Amino acid sequence: MNISTKEQTILILPDGPISQEAGLYKYSKGERLYIDNLAKDFKEVQIATFVLREGDEFYESNLHSSFTSPNIRVIELPGSITKNPSVIQKAFQFLKVFFIIAKVTKKVDLSYLFLPSYPSAFGFLSSNFFGKPHIVYGADDWVAASESMFRWKKNRSSLFYRAYAALNKKMEISIVRSALFGVAAGGQLIEKYRNLGCTTYPTTPRMTLTRSDIVNRVDTCTGDVIQLINVGGLIHDKAQHQLLEAFSLAVKKENRLRLKIIGEGPERNLLMSLANTLGVADRVEFTGYIESEALLYSHLKSADIFVLSSVTEGFPRVLYEAMCMRLPIISTRVGGIPYLMTDRENALLVNCGENNDLADAIHTMISNNELRQMIIMKASKTLDNVFDYMDGGQISKLVTRHLL
């Protein structure tokens, strides 16, 4: 192929839905900015994805900022006709999705497949059929995310689920191995994709923060109240239920503790009930989703410790934001996190599901002033390195290197 990216149409199959409000398509601000920057380097960007509207589950938490580039076109994929579809209903939906994606793939020059994502699997099959190249973005480990992506919870111990998980693993391997190149969030996925034979690069971080947003402080945890904060969707993978369990243990030793959970999702009522059962409901604030970045950052600035309890991640943007706000971080040791964050250097890391260890880490962060201050200082240096490799034109440069 001898044409420049300015003459190419690229199809993006993201790993989650976008929303529509008043005729405008909206995405999370970091992802929206990423795609808008990418659109500057291509003739046209087509996004084939599911679209949420008012009244749909997750609509509010998915409503962020509008695309601005005039050369972005959204192709809506058909969603489930019922809230809890059967396996057969889901199969018919997937069949319709496949034919739409195949029709689009035939007309574009290149497909950009975000993983894990079933539309991306269909984009891979279509690209192979029509002889079109594809590239991949690894947002999370497909194998690790399989359990939470499986809709039929009661059947997770069945042969059907094992076949489903095996298919996911095979699909991830096939997509990555045949990609022109890959970019990934977090060192774990970069290493995994490279081991599969795919030339893979660290993705430019999907964040809107700049060096001018960095908060100037060297310490926290010095007041009468110690505010822990967690930001993320209220879903199984973010494991706020484990955070609440650990928080209830930590409160027994430190009466100054409070917890703020920012986000929305299907687990909200269960989490609120759990906080009540654990006897910490009066110390836990569920703010819901916060759309305004300025308001979100003000919450981070006023907190003392950022706590991440996820069971699977690529590398979450919220950790970049926490470092920018000079918040000391406690996190589970999952996905790409330990490839950038080192225990007792720029964070405290614990194994997923070890609630006693998470509670102990909270106490260590509060009581060890020297360690806490060092973590804040070293995390600031980590963030400086991240800013050094931010590049909105990364994909077009890599396409030019590998394809043109």
Protein backbone atom coordinates (compact mmCIF):
# COMPACT_ATOMS: atom_id res chain seq x y z
CA MET A 1 0.00 0.00 0.00
CA ASN A 2 1.57 3.30 -1.13
CA ILE A 3 -1.02 5.85 -0.02
CA SER A 4 -0.56 8.00 3.10
CA THR A 5 -2.79 7.72 6.15
CA LYS A 6 -4.40 11.02 5.08
CA GLU A 7 -5.93 9.07 2.20
CA GLN A 8 -7.07 6.07 4.27
CA THR A 9 -10.31 5.25 6.03
CA ILE A 10 -9.84 3.45 9.35
CA LEU A 11 -12.52 1.44 11.15
CA ILE A 12 -12.42 1.49 14.95
CA LEU A 13 -14.15 -1.22 16.97
CA PRO A 14 -13.93 0.02 20.59
CA ASP A 15 -14.12 -2.17 23.68
CA GLY A 16 -17.25 -0.47 25.02
CA PRO A 17 -20.32 1.52 23.96
CA ILE A 18 -20.62 5.24 23.36
CA SER A 19 -23.64 7.41 24.17
CA GLN A 20 -25.84 9.76 22.20
CA GLU A 21 -27.42 12.92 23.56
CA ALA A 22 -29.28 15.52 21.49
CA GLY A 23 -27.96 14.01 18.27
CA LEU A 24 -24.33 14.10 19.43
CA TYR A 25 -22.21 11.01 20.00
CA LYS A 26 -20.20 11.09 23.22
CA TYR A 27 -17.40 9.02 24.70
CA SER A 28 -15.21 9.17 27.79
CA LYS A 29 -13.13 12.32 27.46
CA GLY A 30 -9.76 10.59 27.28
CA GLU A 31 -10.92 8.09 24.64
CA ARG A 32 -12.80 10.81 22.75
CA LEU A 33 -9.72 13.01 22.63
CA TYR A 34 -7.62 10.03 21.54
CA ILE A 35 -9.94 9.27 18.59
CA ASP A 36 -10.29 12.96 17.66
CA ASN A 37 -6.49 13.24 17.51
CA LEU A 38 -6.29 10.07 15.45
CA ALA A 39 -8.91 11.45 13.04
CA LYS A 40 -6.58 14.33 12.17
CA ASP A 41 -4.22 11.86 10.49
CA PHE A 42 -6.78 9.85 8.47
CA LYS A 43 -9.20 10.60 5.66
CA GLU A 44 -12.10 9.23 7.70
CA VAL A 45 -12.65 7.40 10.98
CA GLN A 46 -15.61 5.06 11.18
CA ILE A 47 -16.61 3.80 14.64
CA ALA A 48 -18.80 0.68 14.71
CA THR A 49 -20.17 0.28 18.21
CA PHE A 50 -23.19 -0.08 20.45
CA VAL A 51 -24.87 3.20 21.36
CA LEU A 52 -26.57 4.02 24.66
CA ARG A 53 -29.46 6.43 24.97
CA GLU A 54 -31.31 7.94 27.91
CA GLY A 55 -32.91 5.19 29.94
CA ASP A 56 -30.32 2.57 29.03
CA GLU A 57 -28.18 0.97 31.72
CA PHE A 58 -24.80 2.75 32.09
CA TYR A 59 -26.05 5.72 30.00
CA GLU A 60 -25.29 8.35 32.64
CA SER A 61 -21.86 6.96 33.48
CA ASN A 62 -20.98 6.78 29.79
CA LEU A 63 -22.05 10.33 28.94
CA HIS A 64 -18.91 12.41 28.65
CA SER A 65 -17.79 14.65 25.79
CA SER A 66 -18.72 14.97 22.13
CA PHE A 67 -16.51 14.10 19.17
CA THR A 68 -15.33 17.25 17.39
CA SER A 69 -13.67 16.01 14.19
CA PRO A 70 -15.92 16.32 11.10
CA ASN A 71 -14.49 13.14 9.54
CA ILE A 72 -15.74 10.80 12.29
CA ARG A 73 -18.76 8.65 11.43
CA VAL A 74 -20.55 6.33 13.85
CA ILE A 75 -22.13 3.08 12.67
CA GLU A 76 -24.57 1.84 15.29
CA LEU A 77 -24.58 -1.87 16.09
CA PRO A 78 -27.84 -3.55 17.17
CA GLY A 79 -28.07 -4.21 20.90
CA SER A 80 -29.98 -6.91 22.75
CA ILE A 81 -33.75 -6.75 22.36
CA THR A 82 -34.24 -7.75 26.00
CA LYS A 83 -32.38 -6.85 29.19
CA ASN A 84 -31.50 -10.48 29.95
CA PRO A 85 -31.24 -12.23 26.57
CA SER A 86 -31.10 -15.98 26.23
CA VAL A 87 -28.15 -17.67 24.55
CA ILE A 88 -30.19 -18.03 21.33
CA GLN A 89 -31.25 -14.35 21.38
CA LYS A 90 -27.65 -13.33 21.93
CA ALA A 91 -26.53 -15.52 19.02
CA PHE A 92 -29.02 -13.84 16.66
CA GLN A 93 -27.86 -10.41 17.84
CA PHE A 94 -24.22 -11.35 17.20
CA LEU A 95 -25.14 -12.58 13.73
CA LYS A 96 -26.64 -9.19 12.86
CA VAL A 97 -23.63 -7.41 14.33
CA PHE A 98 -21.27 -9.57 12.26
CA PHE A 99 -22.98 -8.76 8.95
CA ILE A 100 -22.93 -5.00 9.67
CA ILE A 101 -19.25 -5.09 10.57
CA ALA A 102 -18.41 -7.21 7.52
CA LYS A 103 -20.18 -4.72 5.25
CA VAL A 104 -18.19 -1.83 6.72
CA THR A 105 -14.87 -3.71 6.76
CA LYS A 106 -15.12 -4.38 3.04
CA LYS A 107 -15.03 -0.63 2.31
CA VAL A 108 -12.28 0.57 4.68
CA ASP A 109 -8.51 0.40 4.36
CA LEU A 110 -7.60 -0.65 7.90
CA SER A 111 -9.33 -1.90 11.07
CA TYR A 112 -8.33 -0.88 14.59
CA LEU A 113 -9.54 -3.56 17.00
CA PHE A 114 -9.84 -2.79 20.72
CA LEU A 115 -9.58 -5.87 22.95
CA PRO A 116 -11.41 -7.49 24.64
CA SER A 117 -14.44 -6.95 22.42
CA TYR A 118 -16.77 -9.24 20.50
CA PRO A 119 -17.27 -6.70 17.69
CA SER A 120 -13.48 -6.70 17.36
CA ALA A 121 -13.57 -10.48 16.96
CA PHE A 122 -16.05 -10.01 14.11
CA GLY A 123 -13.84 -7.26 12.68
CA PHE A 124 -10.91 -9.66 12.71
CA LEU A 125 -12.88 -12.36 10.86
CA SER A 126 -14.11 -9.80 8.32
CA SER A 127 -10.63 -8.36 7.81
CA ASN A 128 -9.27 -11.83 7.13
CA PHE A 129 -12.05 -12.58 4.66
CA PHE A 130 -11.55 -9.36 2.68
CA GLY A 131 -7.74 -9.36 2.98
CA LYS A 132 -7.60 -6.11 4.98
CA PRO A 133 -4.90 -5.36 7.57
CA HIS A 134 -5.76 -4.81 11.21
CA ILE A 135 -4.04 -3.38 14.27
CA VAL A 136 -4.90 -3.98 17.92
CA TYR A 137 -5.21 -2.01 21.13
CA GLY A 138 -5.08 -4.07 24.32
CA ALA A 139 -7.22 -2.43 26.99
CA ASP A 140 -7.42 -5.52 29.21
CA ASP A 141 -6.48 -9.18 29.20
CA TRP A 142 -9.28 -11.05 27.42
CA VAL A 143 -8.69 -14.27 29.35
CA ALA A 144 -8.80 -12.51 32.73
CA ALA A 145 -11.89 -10.51 31.73
CA SER A 146 -13.85 -13.52 30.45
CA GLU A 147 -15.70 -14.18 33.69
CA SER A 148 -17.08 -10.66 34.01
CA MET A 149 -18.02 -10.56 30.31
CA PHE A 150 -20.09 -13.76 30.63
CA ARG A 151 -23.72 -12.69 31.01
CA TRP A 152 -25.15 -15.93 32.37
CA LYS A 153 -23.74 -16.00 35.93
CA LYS A 154 -25.57 -19.16 36.98
CA ASN A 155 -23.77 -21.14 34.27
CA ARG A 156 -20.20 -20.13 35.11
CA SER A 157 -19.34 -23.63 36.30
CA SER A 158 -20.82 -25.29 33.21
CA LEU A 159 -19.19 -26.85 30.18
CA PHE A 160 -20.72 -23.98 28.18
CA TYR A 161 -18.70 -21.43 30.14
CA ARG A 162 -15.48 -23.41 29.75
CA ALA A 163 -16.04 -23.54 25.99
CA TYR A 164 -16.76 -19.80 26.00
CA ALA A 165 -13.54 -19.02 27.91
CA ALA A 166 -11.49 -21.28 25.63
CA LEU A 167 -12.94 -19.53 22.55
CA ASN A 168 -12.01 -16.13 24.01
CA LYS A 169 -8.44 -17.29 24.56
CA LYS A 170 -8.15 -18.65 21.03
CA MET A 171 -9.70 -15.52 19.52
CA GLU A 172 -7.30 -13.23 21.41
CA ILE A 173 -4.30 -15.26 20.24
CA SER A 174 -5.48 -15.27 16.61
CA ILE A 175 -6.24 -11.54 16.52
CA VAL A 176 -2.95 -10.53 18.12
CA ARG A 177 -0.71 -12.89 16.14
CA SER A 178 -2.03 -11.69 12.79
CA ALA A 179 -2.03 -7.96 13.63
CA LEU A 180 0.13 -5.52 11.74
CA PHE A 181 1.23 -4.23 15.16
CA GLY A 182 -0.28 -3.66 18.57
CA VAL A 183 -0.41 -1.00 21.26
CA ALA A 184 -1.37 -1.89 24.80
CA ALA A 185 -2.14 -0.37 28.19
CA GLY A 186 0.28 -1.81 30.69
CA GLY A 187 3.41 -3.90 30.57
CA GLN A 188 1.62 -7.21 31.16
CA LEU A 189 -0.28 -6.96 27.87
CA ILE A 190 2.72 -5.62 25.99
CA GLU A 191 4.74 -8.63 27.12
CA LYS A 192 1.90 -11.05 26.36
CA TYR A 193 1.35 -9.69 22.84
CA ARG A 194 5.06 -9.69 22.08
CA ASN A 195 5.29 -13.31 23.22
CA LEU A 196 2.55 -14.07 20.70
CA GLY A 197 4.76 -12.64 17.95
CA CYS A 198 3.10 -9.23 17.61
CA THR A 199 5.28 -6.11 17.57
CA THR A 200 3.67 -4.15 20.40
CA TYR A 201 4.23 -0.66 21.80
CA PRO A 202 3.09 1.12 24.98
CA THR A 203 -0.03 3.04 24.04
CA THR A 204 0.01 6.78 24.47
CA PRO A 205 -1.98 7.37 27.70
CA ARG A 206 -5.65 8.22 27.15
CA MET A 207 -5.77 11.21 29.45
CA THR A 208 -6.43 14.91 29.14
CA LEU A 209 -4.11 16.02 31.95
CA THR A 210 -0.93 17.96 31.23
CA ARG A 211 2.07 18.92 33.34
CA SER A 212 0.33 22.19 34.22
CA ASP A 213 -2.37 20.19 36.06
CA ILE A 214 0.08 18.66 38.55
CA VAL A 215 -0.79 19.52 42.15
CA ASN A 216 2.00 20.97 44.24
CA ARG A 217 2.02 19.00 47.50
CA VAL A 218 4.46 16.65 49.18
CA ASP A 219 2.29 14.94 51.80
CA THR A 220 -1.24 13.90 52.82
CA CYS A 221 -2.89 12.19 55.82
CA THR A 222 -2.18 15.07 58.19
CA GLY A 223 -5.74 16.12 59.10
CA ASP A 224 -8.40 15.05 61.58
CA VAL A 225 -10.11 13.02 58.83
CA ILE A 226 -8.26 10.68 56.46
CA GLN A 227 -10.15 10.39 53.19
CA LEU A 228 -9.69 7.32 51.03
CA ILE A 229 -10.97 7.58 47.47
CA ASN A 230 -11.79 5.08 44.72
CA VAL A 231 -12.85 5.99 41.18
CA GLY A 232 -14.34 3.47 38.75
CA GLY A 233 -17.46 1.80 37.47
CA LEU A 234 -19.42 -0.09 40.10
CA ILE A 235 -18.92 -3.45 38.43
CA HIS A 236 -17.52 -6.82 39.48
CA ASP A 237 -14.06 -6.23 37.96
CA LYS A 238 -13.45 -3.09 40.05
CA ALA A 239 -14.13 -5.15 43.22
CA GLN A 240 -15.33 -2.33 45.46
CA HIS A 241 -16.90 -5.09 47.59
CA GLN A 242 -13.39 -6.17 48.54
CA LEU A 243 -12.44 -2.56 49.20
CA LEU A 244 -15.40 -2.22 51.58
CA GLU A 245 -14.37 -5.40 53.40
CA ALA A 246 -10.82 -4.09 53.81
CA PHE A 247 -12.08 -0.65 54.84
CA SER A 248 -14.24 -2.18 57.59
CA LEU A 249 -11.13 -3.90 58.95
CA ALA A 250 -9.00 -0.75 58.72
CA VAL A 251 -11.58 1.37 60.57
CA LYS A 252 -11.21 -0.81 63.66
CA LYS A 253 -7.65 0.51 64.06
CA GLU A 254 -8.02 4.03 62.64
CA ASN A 255 -11.11 6.01 63.58
CA ARG A 256 -10.27 8.95 61.31
CA LEU A 257 -10.93 6.95 58.11
CA ARG A 258 -13.60 7.83 55.57
CA LEU A 259 -14.15 6.35 52.09
CA LYS A 260 -15.47 8.04 48.98
CA ILE A 261 -16.45 5.87 45.99
CA ILE A 262 -16.94 7.78 42.73
CA GLY A 263 -18.70 5.95 39.93
CA GLU A 264 -21.92 4.35 38.83
CA GLY A 265 -22.92 0.84 37.79
CA PRO A 266 -25.06 -2.24 38.40
CA GLU A 267 -23.34 -3.14 41.70
CA ARG A 268 -24.34 0.11 43.44
CA ASN A 269 -27.25 -1.25 45.51
CA LEU A 270 -25.29 -4.35 46.50
CA LEU A 271 -22.33 -2.23 47.58
CA MET A 272 -24.51 0.14 49.61
CA SER A 273 -26.14 -2.86 51.29
CA LEU A 274 -22.73 -4.35 52.03
CA ALA A 275 -21.51 -1.09 53.59
CA ASN A 276 -24.56 -1.18 55.86
CA THR A 277 -24.00 -4.84 56.77
CA LEU A 278 -20.35 -4.15 57.60
CA GLY A 279 -21.36 -1.25 59.84
CA VAL A 280 -19.47 1.41 57.85
CA ALA A 281 -22.33 3.02 55.89
CA ASP A 282 -21.95 6.26 57.87
CA ARG A 283 -18.29 6.45 56.79
CA VAL A 284 -18.77 5.65 53.09
CA GLU A 285 -20.00 8.13 50.49
CA PHE A 286 -21.26 6.95 47.10
CA THR A 287 -21.14 10.07 44.93
CA GLY A 288 -22.35 8.48 41.70
CA TYR A 289 -20.73 9.27 38.37
CA ILE A 290 -19.09 12.71 38.12
CA GLU A 291 -19.03 14.07 34.56
CA SER A 292 -17.14 17.29 35.25
CA GLU A 293 -13.39 16.71 35.20
CA ALA A 294 -12.85 19.83 37.30
CA LEU A 295 -15.18 18.47 40.00
CA LEU A 296 -13.60 15.00 39.83
CA TYR A 297 -10.13 16.46 40.25
CA SER A 298 -11.28 18.59 43.19
CA HIS A 299 -12.39 15.37 44.93
CA LEU A 300 -8.99 13.81 44.22
CA LYS A 301 -7.16 16.90 45.48
CA SER A 302 -9.08 16.83 48.77
CA ALA A 303 -8.42 13.11 49.38
CA ASP A 304 -5.50 11.55 51.24
CA ILE A 305 -5.04 8.09 49.67
CA PHE A 306 -6.20 6.57 46.37
CA VAL A 307 -7.18 2.90 46.66
CA LEU A 308 -7.70 0.62 43.66
CA SER A 309 -9.18 -2.83 44.32
CA SER A 310 -9.63 -4.19 40.77
CA VAL A 311 -9.36 -7.87 39.88
CA THR A 312 -8.27 -7.16 36.29
CA GLU A 313 -6.89 -4.10 34.47
CA GLY A 314 -4.71 -3.09 31.56
CA PHE A 315 -3.38 0.08 33.14
CA PRO A 316 -6.14 2.32 34.52
CA ARG A 317 -6.16 6.00 33.66
CA VAL A 318 -7.27 6.83 37.22
CA LEU A 319 -3.78 5.97 38.49
CA TYR A 320 -2.27 8.62 36.21
CA GLU A 321 -4.85 11.07 37.57
CA ALA A 322 -4.06 10.11 41.17
CA MET A 323 -0.33 10.62 40.58
CA CYS A 324 -1.05 13.99 38.98
CA MET A 325 -3.00 15.01 42.10
CA ARG A 326 -0.05 13.80 44.25
CA LEU A 327 -2.18 11.14 45.93
CA PRO A 328 -0.29 8.17 47.38
CA ILE A 329 -1.61 4.99 45.76
CA ILE A 330 -2.59 1.61 47.17
CA SER A 331 -3.48 -0.90 44.46
CA THR A 332 -4.02 -4.55 43.75
CA ARG A 333 -1.17 -6.22 41.90
CA VAL A 334 -3.08 -7.01 38.67
CA GLY A 335 -2.67 -6.63 34.91
CA GLY A 336 -0.16 -4.00 33.84
CA ILE A 337 -0.10 -2.18 37.19
CA PRO A 338 3.05 -3.86 38.64
CA TYR A 339 4.91 -3.13 35.39
CA LEU A 340 4.76 0.60 36.16
CA MET A 341 4.05 0.71 39.89
CA THR A 342 6.56 -0.85 42.29
CA ASP A 343 5.67 -1.87 45.84
CA ARG A 344 7.01 0.50 48.50
CA GLU A 345 8.50 2.79 45.86
CA ASN A 346 5.76 4.64 43.96
CA ALA A 347 2.80 2.72 45.47
CA LEU A 348 1.81 0.02 47.92
CA LEU A 349 0.73 -3.14 46.10
CA VAL A 350 -1.27 -6.07 47.47
CA ASN A 351 -2.55 -9.29 45.94
CA CYS A 352 -6.12 -9.24 44.70
CA GLY A 353 -8.65 -10.54 47.22
CA GLU A 354 -6.31 -10.26 50.20
CA ASN A 355 -8.52 -7.92 52.23
CA ASN A 356 -6.41 -8.14 55.39
CA ASP A 357 -3.34 -7.11 53.39
CA LEU A 358 -5.27 -4.23 51.85
CA ALA A 359 -6.32 -3.06 55.32
CA ASP A 360 -2.72 -3.36 56.53
CA ALA A 361 -1.52 -1.32 53.52
CA ILE A 362 -3.96 1.46 54.47
CA HIS A 363 -2.51 1.55 57.99
CA THR A 364 1.06 1.49 56.66
CA MET A 365 0.36 4.40 54.32
CA ILE A 366 -1.12 6.43 57.17
CA SER A 367 1.42 5.64 59.89
CA ASN A 368 4.69 5.62 57.95
CA ASN A 369 5.20 9.28 57.09
CA GLU A 370 8.60 8.80 55.48
CA LEU A 371 7.37 5.99 53.21
CA ARG A 372 4.23 7.91 52.22
CA GLN A 373 6.21 11.02 51.28
CA MET A 374 8.69 8.94 49.29
CA ILE A 375 5.84 7.22 47.40
CA ILE A 376 4.39 10.60 46.43
CA MET A 377 7.80 11.86 45.30
CA LYS A 378 8.68 8.77 43.25
CA ALA A 379 5.21 8.62 41.70
CA SER A 380 5.75 12.18 40.48
CA LYS A 381 8.88 11.02 38.63
CA THR A 382 6.91 8.10 37.16
CA LEU A 383 4.33 10.56 35.84
CA ASP A 384 7.04 12.73 34.27
CA ASN A 385 8.15 9.72 32.22
CA VAL A 386 4.54 9.10 31.16
CA PHE A 387 4.17 12.66 29.89
CA ASP A 388 7.37 12.22 27.88
CA TYR A 389 5.83 9.57 25.61
CA MET A 390 2.33 11.02 25.13
CA ASP A 391 1.77 11.34 21.37
CA GLY A 392 -1.62 11.92 19.73
CA GLY A 393 -0.17 10.91 16.36
CA GLN A 394 1.18 7.55 17.54
CA ILE A 395 -1.10 5.34 15.40
CA SER A 396 -0.57 7.11 12.09
CA LYS A 397 3.20 7.05 12.64
CA LEU A 398 3.13 3.32 13.37
CA VAL A 399 0.89 2.61 10.37
CA THR A 400 3.35 4.52 8.18
CA ARG A 401 6.25 2.51 9.65
CA HIS A 402 4.64 -0.91 9.33
CA LEU A 403 2.38 -0.65 6.29
CA LEU A 404 3.22 2.18 3.92
